[in-house]
């Protein structure tokens, strides 16, 4: 299964390179199902893998002048707060056994995976449908934009902290619709935000004496970076809309599978 896991890690990196998001939500299922890593630890591993991969991609976009650092900063600061607080203070306090309802027993790992699967399904629907700003929409004031960007940053950071996803599928629509960034600049900015908040979130786990298999972590990260480089290369030649829709259907299938598998364990 590990061989398949390494191949899947390549696909995850490829997706990040192609569309700047979405691929990160595959990392936790890859770690849990193909590497047999405990779901809680998998969310920590995911933050490191996604963060490092996105950082490499973000540097590539920065060199091409396709990163809006000011907007990235406005989004990233509240996002940092959300992800760090969740990993360092909230998640460790969630009990291993949450509640029992009849014959159903909901544990911490089960809750994380169910929330993750629901998130995958919602993200896939968003990618399949696409999000376009309305032509008759009234432009937001500068203050309103800053407030909305900050609020979404906090929400995305909290989600990232809980399930270990990078949040690119939430960040990119916000940058395009709320800020009005061109798609490629939104992708580059998103990668930088994902990298910073994911790696900061990972430091929250290190405070709790988590045992890290650094060799496995670095191997998977390296493979993902190779996939990302390939994705960035192919992104110049392939239709962005078709890529997003195709990946959306793939994530939908994965999300439904994970959700069904976790519900069967109740």
C-alpha atoms as a PDB file:
ATOM      1  CA  UNK A   1       0.000   0.000   0.000  1.00  0.00           C
ATOM      2  CA  UNK A   2       2.920   2.345   0.635  1.00  0.00           C
ATOM      3  CA  UNK A   3       3.908   2.236  -3.045  1.00  0.00           C
ATOM      4  CA  UNK A   4       0.399   3.371  -3.952  1.00  0.00           C
ATOM      5  CA  UNK A   5       0.702   6.017  -1.236  1.00  0.00           C
ATOM      6  CA  UNK A   6       3.858   7.432  -2.792  1.00  0.00           C
ATOM      7  CA  UNK A   7       2.151   7.534  -6.201  1.00  0.00           C
ATOM      8  CA  UNK A   8      -0.842   9.290  -4.638  1.00  0.00           C
ATOM      9  CA  UNK A   9       1.511  11.822  -3.007  1.00  0.00           C
ATOM     10  CA  UNK A  10       2.827  12.631  -6.478  1.00  0.00           C
ATOM     11  CA  UNK A  11      -0.750  13.238  -7.632  1.00  0.00           C
ATOM     12  CA  UNK A  12      -1.370  15.495  -4.631  1.00  0.00           C
ATOM     13  CA  UNK A  13       1.639  17.638  -5.526  1.00  0.00           C
ATOM     14  CA  UNK A  14       0.607  17.641  -9.171  1.00  0.00           C
ATOM     15  CA  UNK A  15      -2.784  19.040  -8.228  1.00  0.00           C
ATOM     16  CA  UNK A  16      -1.284  21.819  -6.116  1.00  0.00           C
ATOM     17  CA  UNK A  17       0.937  22.781  -9.020  1.00  0.00           C
ATOM     18  CA  UNK A  18      -1.907  22.690 -11.526  1.00  0.00           C
ATOM     19  CA  UNK A  19      -4.660  24.553  -9.683  1.00  0.00           C
ATOM     20  CA  UNK A  20      -3.038  25.925  -6.518  1.00  0.00           C
ATOM     21  CA  UNK A  21      -5.360  24.101  -4.121  1.00  0.00           C
ATOM     22  CA  UNK A  22      -7.570  21.073  -3.704  1.00  0.00           C
ATOM     23  CA  UNK A  23      -4.694  18.596  -3.720  1.00  0.00           C
ATOM     24  CA  UNK A  24      -4.027  19.208  -0.055  1.00  0.00           C
ATOM     25  CA  UNK A  25      -7.358  17.710   0.956  1.00  0.00           C
ATOM     26  CA  UNK A  26      -6.121  14.388  -0.410  1.00  0.00           C
ATOM     27  CA  UNK A  27      -3.174  14.258   1.974  1.00  0.00           C
ATOM     28  CA  UNK A  28      -4.996  13.088   5.110  1.00  0.00           C
ATOM     29  CA  UNK A  29      -6.836  10.229   3.322  1.00  0.00           C
ATOM     30  CA  UNK A  30      -3.521   9.210   1.703  1.00  0.00           C
ATOM     31  CA  UNK A  31      -1.797   9.090   5.090  1.00  0.00           C
ATOM     32  CA  UNK A  32      -4.671   7.321   6.863  1.00  0.00           C
ATOM     33  CA  UNK A  33      -5.632   4.730   4.250  1.00  0.00           C
ATOM     34  CA  UNK A  34      -2.358   4.086   2.408  1.00  0.00           C
ATOM     35  CA  UNK A  35       0.227   4.617   5.171  1.00  0.00           C
ATOM     36  CA  UNK A  36      -1.957   3.457   8.110  1.00  0.00           C
ATOM     37  CA  UNK A  37      -1.239   6.602  10.155  1.00  0.00           C
ATOM     38  CA  UNK A  38      -3.590   7.531  13.013  1.00  0.00           C
ATOM     39  CA  UNK A  39      -6.035  10.264  11.841  1.00  0.00           C
ATOM     40  CA  UNK A  40      -4.966  12.802  14.490  1.00  0.00           C
ATOM     41  CA  UNK A  41      -1.270  12.352  13.663  1.00  0.00           C
ATOM     42  CA  UNK A  42      -2.127  12.371   9.950  1.00  0.00           C
ATOM     43  CA  UNK A  43      -3.539  15.890  10.277  1.00  0.00           C
ATOM     44  CA  UNK A  44      -0.191  17.030  11.729  1.00  0.00           C
ATOM     45  CA  UNK A  45       1.798  15.282   8.989  1.00  0.00           C
ATOM     46  CA  UNK A  46      -0.505  16.814   6.394  1.00  0.00           C
ATOM     47  CA  UNK A  47       0.221  20.331   7.620  1.00  0.00           C
ATOM     48  CA  UNK A  48       3.964  19.802   7.168  1.00  0.00           C
ATOM     49  CA  UNK A  49       3.704  18.102   3.758  1.00  0.00           C
ATOM     50  CA  UNK A  50       1.240  20.615   2.371  1.00  0.00           C
ATOM     51  CA  UNK A  51       3.092  23.555   3.904  1.00  0.00           C
ATOM     52  CA  UNK A  52       6.481  22.600   2.494  1.00  0.00           C
ATOM     53  CA  UNK A  53       5.075  21.750  -0.942  1.00  0.00           C
ATOM     54  CA  UNK A  54       3.071  24.967  -1.137  1.00  0.00           C
ATOM     55  CA  UNK A  55       6.129  26.995  -0.052  1.00  0.00           C
ATOM     56  CA  UNK A  56       8.155  25.653  -2.973  1.00  0.00           C
ATOM     57  CA  UNK A  57       5.282  26.439  -5.343  1.00  0.00           C
ATOM     58  CA  UNK A  58       4.761  29.886  -3.857  1.00  0.00           C
ATOM     59  CA  UNK A  59       8.437  30.777  -4.393  1.00  0.00           C
ATOM     60  CA  UNK A  60       8.071  29.735  -8.030  1.00  0.00           C
ATOM     61  CA  UNK A  61       5.078  32.047  -8.496  1.00  0.00           C
ATOM     62  CA  UNK A  62       6.853  34.862  -6.616  1.00  0.00           C
ATOM     63  CA  UNK A  63       9.745  34.720  -9.074  1.00  0.00           C
ATOM     64  CA  UNK A  64       7.236  35.213 -11.892  1.00  0.00           C
ATOM     65  CA  UNK A  65       5.646  38.208 -10.125  1.00  0.00           C
ATOM     66  CA  UNK A  66       2.388  36.330  -9.543  1.00  0.00           C
ATOM     67  CA  UNK A  67       2.041  36.805  -5.767  1.00  0.00           C
ATOM     68  CA  UNK A  68       0.192  39.697  -4.091  1.00  0.00           C
ATOM     69  CA  UNK A  69       2.120  39.931  -0.828  1.00  0.00           C
ATOM     70  CA  UNK A  70      -0.072  42.669   0.679  1.00  0.00           C
ATOM     71  CA  UNK A  71      -3.294  40.695   0.203  1.00  0.00           C
ATOM     72  CA  UNK A  72      -1.558  37.533   1.348  1.00  0.00           C
ATOM     73  CA  UNK A  73      -0.536  39.257   4.583  1.00  0.00           C
ATOM     74  CA  UNK A  74      -4.084  40.538   5.250  1.00  0.00           C
ATOM     75  CA  UNK A  75      -5.476  37.011   4.809  1.00  0.00           C
ATOM     76  CA  UNK A  76      -2.640  35.166   6.496  1.00  0.00           C
ATOM     77  CA  UNK A  77      -2.466  36.921   9.884  1.00  0.00           C
ATOM     78  CA  UNK A  78      -5.956  35.918  11.135  1.00  0.00           C
ATOM     79  CA  UNK A  79      -5.475  32.547   9.453  1.00  0.00           C
ATOM     80  CA  UNK A  80      -2.298  32.007  11.501  1.00  0.00           C
ATOM     81  CA  UNK A  81      -4.246  32.734  14.669  1.00  0.00           C
ATOM     82  CA  UNK A  82      -6.988  30.255  13.737  1.00  0.00           C
ATOM     83  CA  UNK A  83      -4.719  27.361  12.777  1.00  0.00           C
ATOM     84  CA  UNK A  84      -2.229  27.771  15.627  1.00  0.00           C
ATOM     85  CA  UNK A  85      -4.893  28.156  18.302  1.00  0.00           C
ATOM     86  CA  UNK A  86      -6.765  25.098  17.010  1.00  0.00           C
ATOM     87  CA  UNK A  87      -3.691  22.862  16.864  1.00  0.00           C
ATOM     88  CA  UNK A  88      -2.095  24.050  20.115  1.00  0.00           C
ATOM     89  CA  UNK A  89      -5.130  24.522  22.361  1.00  0.00           C
ATOM     90  CA  UNK A  90      -8.418  23.215  20.894  1.00  0.00           C
ATOM     91  CA  UNK A  91      -7.647  19.862  19.249  1.00  0.00           C
ATOM     92  CA  UNK A  92      -5.593  18.495  22.194  1.00  0.00           C
ATOM     93  CA  UNK A  93      -8.578  19.170  24.472  1.00  0.00           C
ATOM     94  CA  UNK A  94     -11.085  17.243  22.360  1.00  0.00           C
ATOM     95  CA  UNK A  95     -11.616  13.944  24.264  1.00  0.00           C
ATOM     96  CA  UNK A  96     -10.730  10.651  22.572  1.00  0.00           C
ATOM     97  CA  UNK A  97     -14.295   9.461  23.179  1.00  0.00           C
ATOM     98  CA  UNK A  98     -16.771  12.243  22.473  1.00  0.00           C
ATOM     99  CA  UNK A  99     -20.198  10.671  23.001  1.00  0.00           C
ATOM    100  CA  UNK A 100     -22.228   7.498  22.605  1.00  0.00           C
ATOM    101  CA  UNK A 101     -25.701   7.440  21.087  1.00  0.00           C
ATOM    102  CA  UNK A 102     -27.261   4.005  21.356  1.00  0.00           C
ATOM    103  CA  UNK A 103     -24.880   1.660  19.562  1.00  0.00           C
ATOM    104  CA  UNK A 104     -23.027   4.571  17.933  1.00  0.00           C
ATOM    105  CA  UNK A 105     -19.737   5.579  19.494  1.00  0.00           C
ATOM    106  CA  UNK A 106     -18.167   8.803  18.181  1.00  0.00           C
ATOM    107  CA  UNK A 107     -14.429   9.086  18.838  1.00  0.00           C
ATOM    108  CA  UNK A 108     -12.015  11.924  18.128  1.00  0.00           C
ATOM    109  CA  UNK A 109     -10.414  10.233  15.064  1.00  0.00           C
ATOM    110  CA  UNK A 110     -13.844   9.344  13.701  1.00  0.00           C
ATOM    111  CA  UNK A 111     -15.097  12.915  14.084  1.00  0.00           C
ATOM    112  CA  UNK A 112     -12.027  14.319  12.320  1.00  0.00           C
ATOM    113  CA  UNK A 113     -12.433  11.955   9.365  1.00  0.00           C
ATOM    114  CA  UNK A 114     -16.184  12.585   9.041  1.00  0.00           C
ATOM    115  CA  UNK A 115     -15.665  16.356   9.108  1.00  0.00           C
ATOM    116  CA  UNK A 116     -12.859  15.910   6.601  1.00  0.00           C
ATOM    117  CA  UNK A 117     -15.021  13.818   4.261  1.00  0.00           C
ATOM    118  CA  UNK A 118     -17.872  16.360   4.388  1.00  0.00           C
ATOM    119  CA  UNK A 119     -15.332  19.074   3.632  1.00  0.00           C
ATOM    120  CA  UNK A 120     -14.085  17.088   0.630  1.00  0.00           C
ATOM    121  CA  UNK A 121     -17.617  16.733  -0.746  1.00  0.00           C
ATOM    122  CA  UNK A 122     -18.359  20.452  -0.307  1.00  0.00           C
ATOM    123  CA  UNK A 123     -15.011  21.405  -1.844  1.00  0.00           C
ATOM    124  CA  UNK A 124     -15.577  19.122  -4.821  1.00  0.00           C
ATOM    125  CA  UNK A 125     -18.992  20.656  -5.496  1.00  0.00           C
ATOM    126  CA  UNK A 126     -17.416  24.111  -5.379  1.00  0.00           C
ATOM    127  CA  UNK A 127     -14.723  23.078  -7.880  1.00  0.00           C
ATOM    128  CA  UNK A 128     -17.205  21.368 -10.216  1.00  0.00           C
ATOM    129  CA  UNK A 129     -19.636  24.287 -10.269  1.00  0.00           C
ATOM    130  CA  UNK A 130     -16.957  26.963 -10.276  1.00  0.00           C
ATOM    131  CA  UNK A 131     -17.310  30.376  -8.671  1.00  0.00           C
ATOM    132  CA  UNK A 132     -17.610  33.488 -10.772  1.00  0.00           C
ATOM    133  CA  UNK A 133     -18.268  37.010  -9.542  1.00  0.00           C
ATOM    134  CA  UNK A 134     -21.688  38.374 -10.499  1.00  0.00           C
ATOM    135  CA  UNK A 135     -21.627  41.034 -13.186  1.00  0.00           C
ATOM    136  CA  UNK A 136     -24.153  43.224 -11.347  1.00  0.00           C
ATOM    137  CA  UNK A 137     -22.554  42.840  -7.921  1.00  0.00           C
ATOM    138  CA  UNK A 138     -21.792  46.109  -6.149  1.00  0.00           C
ATOM    139  CA  UNK A 139     -18.085  46.661  -5.477  1.00  0.00           C
ATOM    140  CA  UNK A 140     -17.085  46.439  -1.839  1.00  0.00           C
ATOM    141  CA  UNK A 141     -15.390  49.308  -0.040  1.00  0.00           C
ATOM    142  CA  UNK A 142     -11.732  48.900   0.910  1.00  0.00           C
ATOM    143  CA  UNK A 143     -12.632  48.504   4.598  1.00  0.00           C
ATOM    144  CA  UNK A 144     -15.280  45.881   3.828  1.00  0.00           C
ATOM    145  CA  UNK A 145     -12.806  43.915   1.708  1.00  0.00           C
ATOM    146  CA  UNK A 146     -10.230  43.932   4.491  1.00  0.00           C
ATOM    147  CA  UNK A 147     -12.850  42.769   7.006  1.00  0.00           C
ATOM    148  CA  UNK A 148     -14.128  39.963   4.773  1.00  0.00           C
ATOM    149  CA  UNK A 149     -10.611  38.812   3.901  1.00  0.00           C
ATOM    150  CA  UNK A 150      -9.692  38.734   7.598  1.00  0.00           C
ATOM    151  CA  UNK A 151     -12.864  36.857   8.561  1.00  0.00           C
ATOM    152  CA  UNK A 152     -12.388  34.223   5.882  1.00  0.00           C
ATOM    153  CA  UNK A 153      -8.746  33.920   6.890  1.00  0.00           C
ATOM    154  CA  UNK A 154      -9.784  33.132  10.465  1.00  0.00           C
ATOM    155  CA  UNK A 155     -12.390  30.584   9.331  1.00  0.00           C
ATOM    156  CA  UNK A 156      -9.997  28.864   6.914  1.00  0.00           C
ATOM    157  CA  UNK A 157      -7.270  28.780   9.563  1.00  0.00           C
ATOM    158  CA  UNK A 158      -9.594  27.124  12.069  1.00  0.00           C
ATOM    159  CA  UNK A 159     -10.676  24.511   9.503  1.00  0.00           C
ATOM    160  CA  UNK A 160      -7.056  23.890   8.566  1.00  0.00           C
ATOM    161  CA  UNK A 161      -6.134  23.381  12.188  1.00  0.00           C
ATOM    162  CA  UNK A 162      -8.873  20.829  12.772  1.00  0.00           C
ATOM    163  CA  UNK A 163      -8.614  18.646   9.666  1.00  0.00           C
ATOM    164  CA  UNK A 164      -5.122  19.399   8.357  1.00  0.00           C
ATOM    165  CA  UNK A 165      -6.217  20.669   4.925  1.00  0.00           C
ATOM    166  CA  UNK A 166      -4.438  23.568   3.290  1.00  0.00           C
ATOM    167  CA  UNK A 167      -7.654  25.420   2.461  1.00  0.00           C
ATOM    168  CA  UNK A 168      -6.711  26.519  -1.054  1.00  0.00           C
ATOM    169  CA  UNK A 169     -10.185  25.656  -2.342  1.00  0.00           C
ATOM    170  CA  UNK A 170     -11.523  28.310   0.072  1.00  0.00           C
ATOM    171  CA  UNK A 171      -8.721  30.835  -0.269  1.00  0.00           C
ATOM    172  CA  UNK A 172      -8.669  31.111  -4.064  1.00  0.00           C
ATOM    173  CA  UNK A 173     -12.385  32.007  -4.505  1.00  0.00           C
ATOM    174  CA  UNK A 174     -11.993  34.634  -1.769  1.00  0.00           C
ATOM    175  CA  UNK A 175      -8.994  36.199  -3.508  1.00  0.00           C
ATOM    176  CA  UNK A 176     -10.722  36.192  -6.902  1.00  0.00           C
ATOM    177  CA  UNK A 177     -14.200  37.317  -5.815  1.00  0.00           C
ATOM    178  CA  UNK A 178     -13.488  39.590  -2.834  1.00  0.00           C
ATOM    179  CA  UNK A 179     -10.172  41.070  -3.897  1.00  0.00           C
ATOM    180  CA  UNK A 180     -10.435  40.794  -7.662  1.00  0.00           C
ATOM    181  CA  UNK A 181      -7.042  39.153  -8.197  1.00  0.00           C
ATOM    182  CA  UNK A 182      -6.365  37.487 -11.575  1.00  0.00           C
ATOM    183  CA  UNK A 183      -6.562  33.700 -11.292  1.00  0.00           C
ATOM    184  CA  UNK A 184      -2.826  33.014 -11.619  1.00  0.00           C
ATOM    185  CA  UNK A 185      -1.952  35.670  -9.039  1.00  0.00           C
ATOM    186  CA  UNK A 186      -4.629  34.235  -6.737  1.00  0.00           C
ATOM    187  CA  UNK A 187      -3.053  30.785  -7.089  1.00  0.00           C
ATOM    188  CA  UNK A 188       0.427  32.078  -6.269  1.00  0.00           C
ATOM    189  CA  UNK A 189      -0.816  34.118  -3.311  1.00  0.00           C
ATOM    190  CA  UNK A 190      -2.845  31.148  -2.070  1.00  0.00           C
ATOM    191  CA  UNK A 191       0.213  28.893  -2.080  1.00  0.00           C
ATOM    192  CA  UNK A 192       2.124  31.337   0.108  1.00  0.00           C
ATOM    193  CA  UNK A 193      -0.778  31.599   2.555  1.00  0.00           C
ATOM    194  CA  UNK A 194      -1.176  27.809   2.657  1.00  0.00           C
ATOM    195  CA  UNK A 195       2.547  27.345   3.265  1.00  0.00           C
ATOM    196  CA  UNK A 196       2.790  29.841   6.103  1.00  0.00           C
ATOM    197  CA  UNK A 197      -0.300  28.809   8.048  1.00  0.00           C
ATOM    198  CA  UNK A 198       0.254  25.075   7.554  1.00  0.00           C
ATOM    199  CA  UNK A 199       3.836  25.171   8.811  1.00  0.00           C
ATOM    200  CA  UNK A 200       2.847  27.403  11.737  1.00  0.00           C
ATOM    201  CA  UNK A 201       0.031  24.982  12.558  1.00  0.00           C
ATOM    202  CA  UNK A 202       2.540  22.125  12.522  1.00  0.00           C
ATOM    203  CA  UNK A 203       4.624  23.898  15.186  1.00  0.00           C
ATOM    204  CA  UNK A 204       1.528  23.795  17.406  1.00  0.00           C
ATOM    205  CA  UNK A 205       1.669  19.992  17.274  1.00  0.00           C
ATOM    206  CA  UNK A 206       5.348  19.916  18.173  1.00  0.00           C
ATOM    207  CA  UNK A 207       4.469  21.507  21.530  1.00  0.00           C
ATOM    208  CA  UNK A 208       2.608  18.342  22.509  1.00  0.00           C
ATOM    209  CA  UNK A 209       5.546  15.943  22.124  1.00  0.00           C
ATOM    210  CA  UNK A 210       4.138  14.292  19.014  1.00  0.00           C
ATOM    211  CA  UNK A 211       6.331  11.443  17.758  1.00  0.00           C
ATOM    212  CA  UNK A 212       7.245  12.334  14.175  1.00  0.00           C
ATOM    213  CA  UNK A 213       8.574   9.873  11.584  1.00  0.00           C
ATOM    214  CA  UNK A 214      10.759  12.479   9.885  1.00  0.00           C
ATOM    215  CA  UNK A 215      12.117  10.087   7.294  1.00  0.00           C
ATOM    216  CA  UNK A 216       8.656   9.187   6.002  1.00  0.00           C
ATOM    217  CA  UNK A 217       7.527  12.802   6.242  1.00  0.00           C
ATOM    218  CA  UNK A 218      10.451  14.104   4.181  1.00  0.00           C
ATOM    219  CA  UNK A 219      10.134  11.346   1.568  1.00  0.00           C
ATOM    220  CA  UNK A 220       6.438  12.074   1.002  1.00  0.00           C
ATOM    221  CA  UNK A 221       7.119  15.822   0.947  1.00  0.00           C
ATOM    222  CA  UNK A 222       9.894  15.368  -1.602  1.00  0.00           C
ATOM    223  CA  UNK A 223       7.642  13.313  -3.870  1.00  0.00           C
ATOM    224  CA  UNK A 224       4.880  15.903  -3.540  1.00  0.00           C
ATOM    225  CA  UNK A 225       7.314  18.683  -4.495  1.00  0.00           C
ATOM    226  CA  UNK A 226       8.273  16.739  -7.638  1.00  0.00           C
ATOM    227  CA  UNK A 227       4.577  16.442  -8.480  1.00  0.00           C
ATOM    228  CA  UNK A 228       4.089  20.163  -7.849  1.00  0.00           C
ATOM    229  CA  UNK A 229       6.922  21.035 -10.259  1.00  0.00           C
ATOM    230  CA  UNK A 230       5.295  18.888 -12.924  1.00  0.00           C
ATOM    231  CA  UNK A 231       1.911  20.457 -12.253  1.00  0.00           C
ATOM    232  CA  UNK A 232       3.290  23.981 -12.603  1.00  0.00           C
ATOM    233  CA  UNK A 233       4.869  22.988 -15.925  1.00  0.00           C
ATOM    234  CA  UNK A 234       1.701  21.400 -17.336  1.00  0.00           C
ATOM    235  CA  UNK A 235      -0.537  24.203 -16.062  1.00  0.00           C
ATOM    236  CA  UNK A 236       0.714  26.398 -18.914  1.00  0.00           C
ATOM    237  CA  UNK A 237      -0.587  23.975 -21.516  1.00  0.00           C
ATOM    238  CA  UNK A 238      -3.865  22.619 -20.101  1.00  0.00           C
ATOM    239  CA  UNK A 239      -7.300  24.185 -19.654  1.00  0.00           C
ATOM    240  CA  UNK A 240      -7.665  25.458 -16.092  1.00  0.00           C
ATOM    241  CA  UNK A 241     -11.462  25.062 -16.131  1.00  0.00           C
ATOM    242  CA  UNK A 242     -11.284  21.443 -17.316  1.00  0.00           C
ATOM    243  CA  UNK A 243      -8.619  20.634 -14.729  1.00  0.00           C
ATOM    244  CA  UNK A 244     -10.677  22.042 -11.879  1.00  0.00           C
ATOM    245  CA  UNK A 245     -13.816  20.200 -12.922  1.00  0.00           C
ATOM    246  CA  UNK A 246     -12.019  16.892 -13.447  1.00  0.00           C
ATOM    247  CA  UNK A 247     -10.246  17.140 -10.117  1.00  0.00           C
ATOM    248  CA  UNK A 248     -13.521  18.144  -8.497  1.00  0.00           C
ATOM    249  CA  UNK A 249     -15.164  14.891  -9.580  1.00  0.00           C
ATOM    250  CA  UNK A 250     -12.160  12.930  -8.337  1.00  0.00           C
ATOM    251  CA  UNK A 251     -12.336  14.605  -4.915  1.00  0.00           C
ATOM    252  CA  UNK A 252     -16.112  13.995  -4.817  1.00  0.00           C
ATOM    253  CA  UNK A 253     -15.605  10.260  -5.323  1.00  0.00           C
ATOM    254  CA  UNK A 254     -12.885  10.215  -2.646  1.00  0.00           C
ATOM    255  CA  UNK A 255     -15.040  12.210  -0.221  1.00  0.00           C
ATOM    256  CA  UNK A 256     -18.048   9.923  -0.643  1.00  0.00           C
ATOM    257  CA  UNK A 257     -15.820   6.869  -0.134  1.00  0.00           C
ATOM    258  CA  UNK A 258     -14.237   8.244   3.051  1.00  0.00           C
ATOM    259  CA  UNK A 259     -17.613   9.381   4.425  1.00  0.00           C
ATOM    260  CA  UNK A 260     -19.187   5.982   3.736  1.00  0.00           C
ATOM    261  CA  UNK A 261     -16.239   4.184   5.296  1.00  0.00           C
ATOM    262  CA  UNK A 262     -16.360   6.291   8.465  1.00  0.00           C
ATOM    263  CA  UNK A 263     -20.149   6.057   8.834  1.00  0.00           C
ATOM    264  CA  UNK A 264     -19.858   2.267   8.600  1.00  0.00           C
ATOM    265  CA  UNK A 265     -17.653   2.409  11.718  1.00  0.00           C
ATOM    266  CA  UNK A 266     -20.314   4.089  13.858  1.00  0.00           C
END
